[in-house]
Amino acid sequence: MHEDKRKHNYIGNGKLDAIQMANLGFTDAQSTCINLAVDNGFIAGEDAKKAIKQTKFIIEPTGDASSKVMLSIVRYMVDETGAALATDVTVSIGGTTYTCTSGGLITHEIEGTDYPILKDFVDAINVFPGIVATIHNALTTQAMNTDDFIAVSETVLADVAAGGVETLSRDASAQFLAVLRLGIPRANDRGPMQLLQVKGTTAWTNAGTVKLIRDDEGEYVADASHQETYLSDTTVAAMTAYLDDNVLEAQTIRGPVCLVVESDDLTAVDMNIKYRQALAM
C-alpha cells in the first residue's frame, strides 16, 4: 500500500488502460504477508525530550507463549541530547503511556495466538501510533496461529515515504500456498480492472486449485463472506491458460484481487497474470 506513487505515472507511458503483467512464484521471498512501515512524522502528544530515534522490527516464528509467530516492534527512545532514556521512564505516544526498558526501549508484541487471522493481526499492528501495516501477498483470512513463517532478525523499519518493507513471509516448505495480490493502482486499491489472462505452470504430486478471489481488507467479514471467487480451477502441471480473454470481452471488476494457487504438496509455481485498468465500470 505504501509504494512510491510516482512510479504509476510511467505505467504504459501514460496510457491508463495499458496492459500490465505480474508474476506469481512460490518462494519465501514472494510469500510476504504484509507491508510494514513507520511514519516518522510528528505524533500527537510527542515530547521533544522523549523522542523516537529509530524503530526496528523482529519476527520470531515460535516467539509467543504458545510457540506461534510473534512480531515485535522496538522503538529506541532518546532525550533532547540524544542519550537513551533510562529504565522505567514513562513515555506518551499518541496518547498511550509506555514504560522504557533498559536502553530506552519500548517494545510492542503482536502474537499469532492472540490474533489468529491475518486481518486481525494487521489491525493489532496498526493500533500503535506511527506504525502502518497493510496486507500484501496473502488473503485476509491467512492463519496466524502457526509457526510456519520465516524468521527476521532485528531490522530497521523503513519509512512510509520509502515504501516500507514487505515482510512476514510464509515458509514455502510448510505452507503450500502461493498468493499474489493485485489492485489498481496499488495492491490494496479498489480501482476497476479487467483480468485478461492467467497462464503458467505448477508442480505438485496431488493436484490443487487455481483461484482468483476478490479480497478487500476494508470489507473484511470474519466468516469470509466478503470474498468473491471469480475463477476456480484444478491445477495442471503443463503450461495452461486458466483464463484467456481479449480486451473487448474481459469482465470489469473492482480490485483488489488475489491469484491463489494451493495444493497439499505444492513445490513450484510460475504463473503470469495480465490485467489492465478499466476506465469505467
C-alpha atoms as a PDB file:
ATOM      1  CA  MET A   1       0.000   0.000   0.000  1.00  0.00           C
ATOM      2  CA  HIS A   2       2.934   2.308   0.597  1.00  0.00           C
ATOM      3  CA  GLU A   3       4.618   2.081  -2.799  1.00  0.00           C
ATOM      4  CA  ASP A   4       6.001   5.260  -4.327  1.00  0.00           C
ATOM      5  CA  LYS A   5       3.010   6.718  -6.179  1.00  0.00           C
ATOM      6  CA  ARG A   6       5.274   8.427  -8.687  1.00  0.00           C
ATOM      7  CA  LYS A   7       6.102   5.194 -10.444  1.00  0.00           C
ATOM      8  CA  HIS A   8       2.472   4.766 -11.518  1.00  0.00           C
ATOM      9  CA  ASN A   9       2.803   7.869 -13.703  1.00  0.00           C
ATOM     10  CA  TYR A  10       5.000   5.840 -16.026  1.00  0.00           C
ATOM     11  CA  ILE A  11       2.884   2.688 -16.381  1.00  0.00           C
ATOM     12  CA  GLY A  12       2.092   2.284 -20.060  1.00  0.00           C
ATOM     13  CA  ASN A  13       3.921   5.556 -20.815  1.00  0.00           C
ATOM     14  CA  GLY A  14       0.906   7.435 -19.532  1.00  0.00           C
ATOM     15  CA  LYS A  15      -1.759   5.212 -21.122  1.00  0.00           C
ATOM     16  CA  LEU A  16      -4.101   4.468 -18.223  1.00  0.00           C
ATOM     17  CA  ASP A  17      -5.501   1.255 -19.674  1.00  0.00           C
ATOM     18  CA  ALA A  18      -2.156  -0.222 -20.787  1.00  0.00           C
ATOM     19  CA  ILE A  19      -1.883  -3.977 -20.264  1.00  0.00           C
ATOM     20  CA  GLN A  20       0.223  -4.906 -17.248  1.00  0.00           C
ATOM     21  CA  MET A  21       1.822  -8.215 -16.302  1.00  0.00           C
ATOM     22  CA  ALA A  22       2.590  -9.683 -12.882  1.00  0.00           C
ATOM     23  CA  ASN A  23       4.195 -12.971 -11.898  1.00  0.00           C
ATOM     24  CA  LEU A  24       3.304 -15.382  -9.109  1.00  0.00           C
ATOM     25  CA  GLY A  25       6.052 -17.668  -7.845  1.00  0.00           C
ATOM     26  CA  PHE A  26       6.478 -19.968  -4.891  1.00  0.00           C
ATOM     27  CA  THR A  27       9.413 -18.838  -2.773  1.00  0.00           C
ATOM     28  CA  ASP A  28       9.714 -17.409   0.720  1.00  0.00           C
ATOM     29  CA  ALA A  29      10.587 -14.012  -0.737  1.00  0.00           C
ATOM     30  CA  GLN A  30       7.385 -13.984  -2.816  1.00  0.00           C
ATOM     31  CA  SER A  31       5.219 -15.028   0.129  1.00  0.00           C
ATOM     32  CA  THR A  32       5.276 -11.802   2.148  1.00  0.00           C
ATOM     33  CA  CYS A  33       2.006 -11.373   4.045  1.00  0.00           C
ATOM     34  CA  ILE A  34       2.304  -7.705   4.999  1.00  0.00           C
ATOM     35  CA  ASN A  35       3.805  -4.370   4.063  1.00  0.00           C
ATOM     36  CA  LEU A  36       5.133  -2.738   7.224  1.00  0.00           C
ATOM     37  CA  ALA A  37       6.247   0.871   7.601  1.00  0.00           C
ATOM     38  CA  VAL A  38       6.837   3.606  10.165  1.00  0.00           C
ATOM     39  CA  ASP A  39       5.604   7.163   9.829  1.00  0.00           C
ATOM     40  CA  ASN A  40       8.488   9.256  11.142  1.00  0.00           C
ATOM     41  CA  GLY A  41       6.435  12.448  11.169  1.00  0.00           C
ATOM     42  CA  PHE A  42       5.177  14.168  14.286  1.00  0.00           C
ATOM     43  CA  ILE A  43       2.969  12.030  16.568  1.00  0.00           C
ATOM     44  CA  ALA A  44       0.318  13.839  18.595  1.00  0.00           C
ATOM     45  CA  GLY A  45       1.457  14.358  22.179  1.00  0.00           C
ATOM     46  CA  GLU A  46       5.106  13.598  21.412  1.00  0.00           C
ATOM     47  CA  ASP A  47       7.578  15.158  23.851  1.00  0.00           C
ATOM     48  CA  ALA A  48      10.771  16.518  22.263  1.00  0.00           C
ATOM     49  CA  LYS A  49      12.626  15.377  25.388  1.00  0.00           C
ATOM     50  CA  LYS A  50      11.376  11.816  24.903  1.00  0.00           C
ATOM     51  CA  ALA A  51      11.682  11.265  21.161  1.00  0.00           C
ATOM     52  CA  ILE A  52      11.679   8.165  18.949  1.00  0.00           C
ATOM     53  CA  LYS A  53      15.159   7.889  17.457  1.00  0.00           C
ATOM     54  CA  GLN A  54      14.642   4.695  15.479  1.00  0.00           C
ATOM     55  CA  THR A  55      12.117   1.890  15.001  1.00  0.00           C
ATOM     56  CA  LYS A  56      13.022  -1.735  14.284  1.00  0.00           C
ATOM     57  CA  PHE A  57      11.086  -4.979  13.936  1.00  0.00           C
ATOM     58  CA  ILE A  58      11.704  -8.668  14.641  1.00  0.00           C
ATOM     59  CA  ILE A  59       9.797 -11.774  13.502  1.00  0.00           C
ATOM     60  CA  GLU A  60      10.103 -14.934  15.585  1.00  0.00           C
ATOM     61  CA  PRO A  61       8.234 -17.978  14.186  1.00  0.00           C
ATOM     62  CA  THR A  62       7.933 -19.513  17.687  1.00  0.00           C
ATOM     63  CA  GLY A  63       8.125 -16.294  19.678  1.00  0.00           C
ATOM     64  CA  ASP A  64       4.877 -16.242  21.606  1.00  0.00           C
ATOM     65  CA  ALA A  65       3.995 -18.239  24.711  1.00  0.00           C
ATOM     66  CA  SER A  66       2.352 -20.946  22.597  1.00  0.00           C
ATOM     67  CA  SER A  67       5.338 -21.182  20.227  1.00  0.00           C
ATOM     68  CA  LYS A  68       3.457 -19.415  17.419  1.00  0.00           C
ATOM     69  CA  VAL A  69       4.614 -16.472  15.335  1.00  0.00           C
ATOM     70  CA  MET A  70       5.300 -13.146  17.044  1.00  0.00           C
ATOM     71  CA  LEU A  71       6.085  -9.758  15.512  1.00  0.00           C
ATOM     72  CA  SER A  72       7.940  -7.317  17.774  1.00  0.00           C
ATOM     73  CA  ILE A  73       8.234  -3.609  17.045  1.00  0.00           C
ATOM     74  CA  VAL A  74      11.020  -1.934  19.012  1.00  0.00           C
ATOM     75  CA  ARG A  75      11.277   1.823  19.440  1.00  0.00           C
ATOM     76  CA  TYR A  76      14.545   3.418  20.573  1.00  0.00           C
ATOM     77  CA  MET A  77      13.764   6.419  22.771  1.00  0.00           C
ATOM     78  CA  VAL A  78      16.172   9.302  23.431  1.00  0.00           C
ATOM     79  CA  ASP A  79      16.186  12.577  25.328  1.00  0.00           C
ATOM     80  CA  GLU A  80      16.927  16.039  23.890  1.00  0.00           C
ATOM     81  CA  THR A  81      20.682  15.297  23.958  1.00  0.00           C
ATOM     82  CA  GLY A  82      20.319  12.072  22.003  1.00  0.00           C
ATOM     83  CA  ALA A  83      21.010   9.834  25.006  1.00  0.00           C
ATOM     84  CA  ALA A  84      18.875   6.736  25.580  1.00  0.00           C
ATOM     85  CA  LEU A  85      16.097   7.207  28.101  1.00  0.00           C
ATOM     86  CA  ALA A  86      16.595   5.492  31.421  1.00  0.00           C
ATOM     87  CA  THR A  87      14.812   2.327  32.529  1.00  0.00           C
ATOM     88  CA  ASP A  88      11.278   2.908  33.857  1.00  0.00           C
ATOM     89  CA  VAL A  89      10.909   6.347  32.275  1.00  0.00           C
ATOM     90  CA  THR A  90       7.330   6.720  31.012  1.00  0.00           C
ATOM     91  CA  VAL A  91       6.634   7.994  27.520  1.00  0.00           C
ATOM     92  CA  SER A  92       3.362   9.104  25.924  1.00  0.00           C
ATOM     93  CA  ILE A  93       2.975   8.101  22.269  1.00  0.00           C
ATOM     94  CA  GLY A  94      -0.273   9.062  20.623  1.00  0.00           C
ATOM     95  CA  GLY A  95      -1.998   9.386  23.973  1.00  0.00           C
ATOM     96  CA  THR A  96      -0.894   5.978  25.276  1.00  0.00           C
ATOM     97  CA  THR A  97       1.677   5.711  28.059  1.00  0.00           C
ATOM     98  CA  TYR A  98       4.542   3.223  27.780  1.00  0.00           C
ATOM     99  CA  THR A  99       7.452   2.430  30.106  1.00  0.00           C
ATOM    100  CA  CYS A 100      11.015   2.176  28.816  1.00  0.00           C
ATOM    101  CA  THR A 101      13.138  -0.869  29.494  1.00  0.00           C
ATOM    102  CA  SER A 102      16.950  -0.912  29.594  1.00  0.00           C
ATOM    103  CA  GLY A 103      18.499   1.105  26.776  1.00  0.00           C
ATOM    104  CA  GLY A 104      15.434   3.287  26.356  1.00  0.00           C
ATOM    105  CA  LEU A 105      13.437   0.607  24.546  1.00  0.00           C
ATOM    106  CA  ILE A 106       9.685   0.371  24.092  1.00  0.00           C
ATOM    107  CA  THR A 107       8.596  -2.949  22.621  1.00  0.00           C
ATOM    108  CA  HIS A 108       5.219  -3.800  21.086  1.00  0.00           C
ATOM    109  CA  GLU A 109       4.477  -7.501  20.606  1.00  0.00           C
ATOM    110  CA  ILE A 110       1.777  -8.902  18.313  1.00  0.00           C
ATOM    111  CA  GLU A 111       1.218 -12.635  18.752  1.00  0.00           C
ATOM    112  CA  GLY A 112      -0.350 -15.145  16.389  1.00  0.00           C
ATOM    113  CA  THR A 113      -2.104 -16.883  19.266  1.00  0.00           C
ATOM    114  CA  ASP A 114      -3.918 -13.660  20.208  1.00  0.00           C
ATOM    115  CA  TYR A 115      -4.702 -12.704  16.600  1.00  0.00           C
ATOM    116  CA  PRO A 116      -5.139 -15.989  14.685  1.00  0.00           C
ATOM    117  CA  ILE A 117      -6.344 -14.359  11.437  1.00  0.00           C
ATOM    118  CA  LEU A 118      -4.146 -12.015   9.392  1.00  0.00           C
ATOM    119  CA  LYS A 119      -6.709  -9.191   9.173  1.00  0.00           C
ATOM    120  CA  ASP A 120      -6.919  -9.068  12.986  1.00  0.00           C
ATOM    121  CA  PHE A 121      -3.120  -9.365  13.261  1.00  0.00           C
ATOM    122  CA  VAL A 122      -2.676  -6.362  10.951  1.00  0.00           C
ATOM    123  CA  ASP A 123      -5.311  -4.353  12.831  1.00  0.00           C
ATOM    124  CA  ALA A 124      -3.390  -5.064  16.049  1.00  0.00           C
ATOM    125  CA  ILE A 125      -0.205  -3.666  14.487  1.00  0.00           C
ATOM    126  CA  ASN A 126      -1.975  -0.510  13.355  1.00  0.00           C
ATOM    127  CA  VAL A 127      -3.089   0.255  16.906  1.00  0.00           C
ATOM    128  CA  PHE A 128       0.425   1.514  17.671  1.00  0.00           C
ATOM    129  CA  PRO A 129       0.834   5.201  16.712  1.00  0.00           C
ATOM    130  CA  GLY A 130       3.165   5.783  13.781  1.00  0.00           C
ATOM    131  CA  ILE A 131       3.178   2.129  12.632  1.00  0.00           C
ATOM    132  CA  VAL A 132       1.413   1.338   9.364  1.00  0.00           C
ATOM    133  CA  ALA A 133       0.683  -2.207   8.151  1.00  0.00           C
ATOM    134  CA  THR A 134      -1.314  -3.469   5.184  1.00  0.00           C
ATOM    135  CA  ILE A 135      -1.938  -6.939   3.798  1.00  0.00           C
ATOM    136  CA  HIS A 136       0.382  -7.879   0.944  1.00  0.00           C
ATOM    137  CA  ASN A 137       0.602 -11.258  -0.852  1.00  0.00           C
ATOM    138  CA  ALA A 138      -1.880 -13.049   1.355  1.00  0.00           C
ATOM    139  CA  LEU A 139      -5.596 -13.446   1.886  1.00  0.00           C
ATOM    140  CA  THR A 140      -7.220 -11.552   4.737  1.00  0.00           C
ATOM    141  CA  THR A 141      -8.105 -14.964   6.198  1.00  0.00           C
ATOM    142  CA  GLN A 142      -4.493 -16.209   6.351  1.00  0.00           C
ATOM    143  CA  ALA A 143      -3.985 -18.275   9.524  1.00  0.00           C
ATOM    144  CA  MET A 144      -1.540 -16.751  12.019  1.00  0.00           C
ATOM    145  CA  ASN A 145      -1.713 -19.241  14.916  1.00  0.00           C
ATOM    146  CA  THR A 146       1.166 -21.208  13.417  1.00  0.00           C
ATOM    147  CA  ASP A 147       4.969 -21.184  13.392  1.00  0.00           C
ATOM    148  CA  ASP A 148       5.230 -21.617   9.610  1.00  0.00           C
ATOM    149  CA  PHE A 149       6.846 -18.248   8.927  1.00  0.00           C
ATOM    150  CA  ILE A 150      10.385 -17.093   8.168  1.00  0.00           C
ATOM    151  CA  ALA A 151      12.412 -15.515  10.973  1.00  0.00           C
ATOM    152  CA  VAL A 152      13.634 -11.929  10.609  1.00  0.00           C
ATOM    153  CA  SER A 153      16.355 -10.635  12.914  1.00  0.00           C
ATOM    154  CA  GLU A 154      16.194  -7.071  14.239  1.00  0.00           C
ATOM    155  CA  THR A 155      15.792  -4.841  11.179  1.00  0.00           C
ATOM    156  CA  VAL A 156      15.359  -1.090  10.811  1.00  0.00           C
ATOM    157  CA  LEU A 157      11.807  -0.323   9.711  1.00  0.00           C
ATOM    158  CA  ALA A 158      11.585   1.770   6.549  1.00  0.00           C
ATOM    159  CA  ASP A 159       9.548   4.949   6.424  1.00  0.00           C
ATOM    160  CA  VAL A 160       6.153   5.157   4.727  1.00  0.00           C
ATOM    161  CA  ALA A 161       7.631   7.584   2.178  1.00  0.00           C
ATOM    162  CA  ALA A 162      10.232   4.962   1.241  1.00  0.00           C
ATOM    163  CA  GLY A 163       7.550   2.316   0.682  1.00  0.00           C
ATOM    164  CA  GLY A 164       8.027   0.369   3.920  1.00  0.00           C
ATOM    165  CA  VAL A 165       9.141  -3.250   3.763  1.00  0.00           C
ATOM    166  CA  GLU A 166       7.422  -6.409   2.512  1.00  0.00           C
ATOM    167  CA  THR A 167       7.814  -8.994   5.262  1.00  0.00           C
ATOM    168  CA  LEU A 168       6.201 -11.758   7.366  1.00  0.00           C
ATOM    169  CA  SER A 169       6.925 -14.447   4.775  1.00  0.00           C
ATOM    170  CA  ARG A 170       5.143 -17.785   4.817  1.00  0.00           C
ATOM    171  CA  ASP A 171       7.539 -20.735   4.961  1.00  0.00           C
ATOM    172  CA  ALA A 172       7.133 -22.256   1.485  1.00  0.00           C
ATOM    173  CA  SER A 173       8.342 -25.621   2.781  1.00  0.00           C
ATOM    174  CA  ALA A 174       5.439 -25.759   5.251  1.00  0.00           C
ATOM    175  CA  GLN A 175       2.630 -23.636   3.810  1.00  0.00           C
ATOM    176  CA  PHE A 176       1.858 -24.935   0.315  1.00  0.00           C
ATOM    177  CA  LEU A 177       0.199 -21.740  -0.811  1.00  0.00           C
ATOM    178  CA  ALA A 178       1.130 -19.038  -3.325  1.00  0.00           C
ATOM    179  CA  VAL A 179      -0.717 -15.708  -3.363  1.00  0.00           C
ATOM    180  CA  LEU A 180      -0.337 -12.581  -5.484  1.00  0.00           C
ATOM    181  CA  ARG A 181      -2.400  -9.514  -4.555  1.00  0.00           C
ATOM    182  CA  LEU A 182      -3.261  -7.021  -7.288  1.00  0.00           C
ATOM    183  CA  GLY A 183      -5.056  -3.702  -7.277  1.00  0.00           C
ATOM    184  CA  ILE A 184      -5.250  -0.500  -9.310  1.00  0.00           C
ATOM    185  CA  PRO A 185      -3.057   1.464  -8.866  1.00  0.00           C
ATOM    186  CA  ARG A 186      -1.663  -0.241  -5.745  1.00  0.00           C
ATOM    187  CA  ALA A 187      -2.048  -3.757  -4.372  1.00  0.00           C
ATOM    188  CA  ASN A 188      -4.832  -2.881  -1.923  1.00  0.00           C
ATOM    189  CA  ASP A 189      -6.679  -0.304  -4.011  1.00  0.00           C
ATOM    190  CA  ARG A 190     -10.206  -0.729  -5.348  1.00  0.00           C
ATOM    191  CA  GLY A 191      -9.841   0.731  -8.827  1.00  0.00           C
ATOM    192  CA  PRO A 192     -11.778  -1.007 -11.632  1.00  0.00           C
ATOM    193  CA  MET A 193      -9.737  -3.549 -13.558  1.00  0.00           C
ATOM    194  CA  GLN A 194     -10.004  -6.138 -16.300  1.00  0.00           C
ATOM    195  CA  LEU A 195      -8.382  -9.551 -15.884  1.00  0.00           C
ATOM    196  CA  LEU A 196      -7.206 -10.712 -19.296  1.00  0.00           C
ATOM    197  CA  GLN A 197      -5.114 -13.832 -18.798  1.00  0.00           C
ATOM    198  CA  VAL A 198      -3.910 -16.241 -16.132  1.00  0.00           C
ATOM    199  CA  LYS A 199      -1.352 -18.651 -17.551  1.00  0.00           C
ATOM    200  CA  GLY A 200       1.531 -20.723 -16.262  1.00  0.00           C
ATOM    201  CA  THR A 201       2.875 -23.928 -14.766  1.00  0.00           C
ATOM    202  CA  THR A 202       2.684 -25.582 -11.367  1.00  0.00           C
ATOM    203  CA  ALA A 203       4.407 -28.590  -9.779  1.00  0.00           C
ATOM    204  CA  TRP A 204       2.881 -30.962  -7.210  1.00  0.00           C
ATOM    205  CA  THR A 205       2.052 -34.632  -6.588  1.00  0.00           C
ATOM    206  CA  ASN A 206      -1.579 -34.117  -5.590  1.00  0.00           C
ATOM    207  CA  ALA A 207      -3.477 -31.629  -7.753  1.00  0.00           C
ATOM    208  CA  GLY A 208      -4.663 -28.433  -6.112  1.00  0.00           C
ATOM    209  CA  THR A 209      -6.560 -25.325  -7.153  1.00  0.00           C
ATOM    210  CA  VAL A 210      -6.033 -22.069  -9.020  1.00  0.00           C
ATOM    211  CA  LYS A 211      -8.353 -19.291  -7.889  1.00  0.00           C
ATOM    212  CA  LEU A 212      -8.977 -15.609  -8.456  1.00  0.00           C
ATOM    213  CA  ILE A 213     -10.559 -14.122  -5.353  1.00  0.00           C
ATOM    214  CA  ARG A 214     -11.611 -10.544  -4.705  1.00  0.00           C
ATOM    215  CA  ASP A 215     -10.472  -9.912  -1.127  1.00  0.00           C
ATOM    216  CA  ASP A 216     -10.733  -6.359   0.181  1.00  0.00           C
ATOM    217  CA  GLU A 217      -9.419  -5.904   3.733  1.00  0.00           C
ATOM    218  CA  GLY A 218     -11.640  -2.840   4.052  1.00  0.00           C
ATOM    219  CA  GLU A 219     -14.710  -5.070   3.626  1.00  0.00           C
ATOM    220  CA  TYR A 220     -13.461  -7.943   5.793  1.00  0.00           C
ATOM    221  CA  VAL A 221     -16.053 -10.165   7.477  1.00  0.00           C
ATOM    222  CA  ALA A 222     -14.984 -12.909   9.896  1.00  0.00           C
ATOM    223  CA  ASP A 223     -16.915 -15.629   8.029  1.00  0.00           C
ATOM    224  CA  ALA A 224     -15.095 -14.701   4.778  1.00  0.00           C
ATOM    225  CA  SER A 225     -18.348 -13.739   3.069  1.00  0.00           C
ATOM    226  CA  HIS A 226     -16.584 -10.623   1.759  1.00  0.00           C
ATOM    227  CA  GLN A 227     -14.506 -12.796  -0.573  1.00  0.00           C
ATOM    228  CA  GLU A 228     -15.772 -13.196  -4.156  1.00  0.00           C
ATOM    229  CA  THR A 229     -14.382 -16.030  -6.290  1.00  0.00           C
ATOM    230  CA  TYR A 230     -14.068 -15.156  -9.987  1.00  0.00           C
ATOM    231  CA  LEU A 231     -12.200 -18.287 -11.053  1.00  0.00           C
ATOM    232  CA  SER A 232     -11.716 -21.733  -9.539  1.00  0.00           C
ATOM    233  CA  ASP A 233      -9.948 -24.472 -11.468  1.00  0.00           C
ATOM    234  CA  THR A 234      -7.789 -27.541 -10.896  1.00  0.00           C
ATOM    235  CA  THR A 235      -4.021 -27.146 -11.227  1.00  0.00           C
ATOM    236  CA  VAL A 236      -2.390 -28.508 -14.371  1.00  0.00           C
ATOM    237  CA  ALA A 237       1.358 -29.165 -14.396  1.00  0.00           C
ATOM    238  CA  ALA A 238       1.892 -28.222 -18.044  1.00  0.00           C
ATOM    239  CA  MET A 239       1.649 -24.668 -19.365  1.00  0.00           C
ATOM    240  CA  THR A 240      -2.047 -23.854 -19.126  1.00  0.00           C
ATOM    241  CA  ALA A 241      -4.241 -20.807 -19.634  1.00  0.00           C
ATOM    242  CA  TYR A 242      -6.817 -20.787 -16.855  1.00  0.00           C
ATOM    243  CA  LEU A 243      -8.234 -17.506 -18.124  1.00  0.00           C
ATOM    244  CA  ASP A 244      -7.777 -16.020 -21.582  1.00  0.00           C
ATOM    245  CA  ASP A 245      -9.988 -13.073 -22.590  1.00  0.00           C
ATOM    246  CA  ASN A 246      -9.469 -10.261 -25.068  1.00  0.00           C
ATOM    247  CA  VAL A 247      -9.792  -6.630 -24.054  1.00  0.00           C
ATOM    248  CA  LEU A 248     -13.239  -6.315 -25.643  1.00  0.00           C
ATOM    249  CA  GLU A 249     -14.788  -9.231 -23.777  1.00  0.00           C
ATOM    250  CA  ALA A 250     -12.985  -9.186 -20.434  1.00  0.00           C
ATOM    251  CA  GLN A 251     -15.247  -8.518 -17.483  1.00  0.00           C
ATOM    252  CA  THR A 252     -14.651  -5.371 -15.446  1.00  0.00           C
ATOM    253  CA  ILE A 253     -14.289  -5.952 -11.700  1.00  0.00           C
ATOM    254  CA  ARG A 254     -13.228  -3.968  -8.660  1.00  0.00           C
ATOM    255  CA  GLY A 255      -9.911  -4.716  -7.018  1.00  0.00           C
ATOM    256  CA  PRO A 256      -8.129  -5.873  -5.076  1.00  0.00           C
ATOM    257  CA  VAL A 257      -7.984  -9.426  -6.368  1.00  0.00           C
ATOM    258  CA  CYS A 258      -5.748 -12.313  -5.277  1.00  0.00           C
ATOM    259  CA  LEU A 259      -4.381 -15.023  -7.552  1.00  0.00           C
ATOM    260  CA  VAL A 260      -4.156 -18.075  -5.304  1.00  0.00           C
ATOM    261  CA  VAL A 261      -2.514 -21.427  -6.068  1.00  0.00           C
ATOM    262  CA  GLU A 262      -2.759 -24.122  -3.406  1.00  0.00           C
ATOM    263  CA  SER A 263      -2.063 -27.844  -3.046  1.00  0.00           C
ATOM    264  CA  ASP A 264      -1.191 -30.039  -0.090  1.00  0.00           C
ATOM    265  CA  ASP A 265       2.247 -30.700  -1.623  1.00  0.00           C
ATOM    266  CA  LEU A 266       2.910 -27.731  -3.915  1.00  0.00           C
ATOM    267  CA  THR A 267       6.579 -27.431  -4.934  1.00  0.00           C
ATOM    268  CA  ALA A 268       6.676 -24.791  -7.692  1.00  0.00           C
ATOM    269  CA  VAL A 269       4.548 -22.089  -9.297  1.00  0.00           C
ATOM    270  CA  ASP A 270       5.331 -19.907 -12.299  1.00  0.00           C
ATOM    271  CA  MET A 271       2.118 -18.113 -13.161  1.00  0.00           C
ATOM    272  CA  ASN A 272       1.632 -14.874 -15.080  1.00  0.00           C
ATOM    273  CA  ILE A 273      -1.442 -12.678 -14.925  1.00  0.00           C
ATOM    274  CA  LYS A 274      -2.287  -9.993 -17.486  1.00  0.00           C
ATOM    275  CA  TYR A 275      -4.586  -7.199 -16.417  1.00  0.00           C
ATOM    276  CA  ARG A 276      -5.325  -3.575 -17.091  1.00  0.00           C
ATOM    277  CA  GLN A 277      -7.086  -0.640 -15.535  1.00  0.00           C
ATOM    278  CA  ALA A 278     -10.690  -0.315 -16.653  1.00  0.00           C
ATOM    279  CA  LEU A 279     -11.584   3.285 -17.357  1.00  0.00           C
ATOM    280  CA  ALA A 280     -15.234   2.862 -16.383  1.00  0.00           C
ATOM    281  CA  MET A 281     -17.499   0.282 -14.777  1.00  0.00           C
END
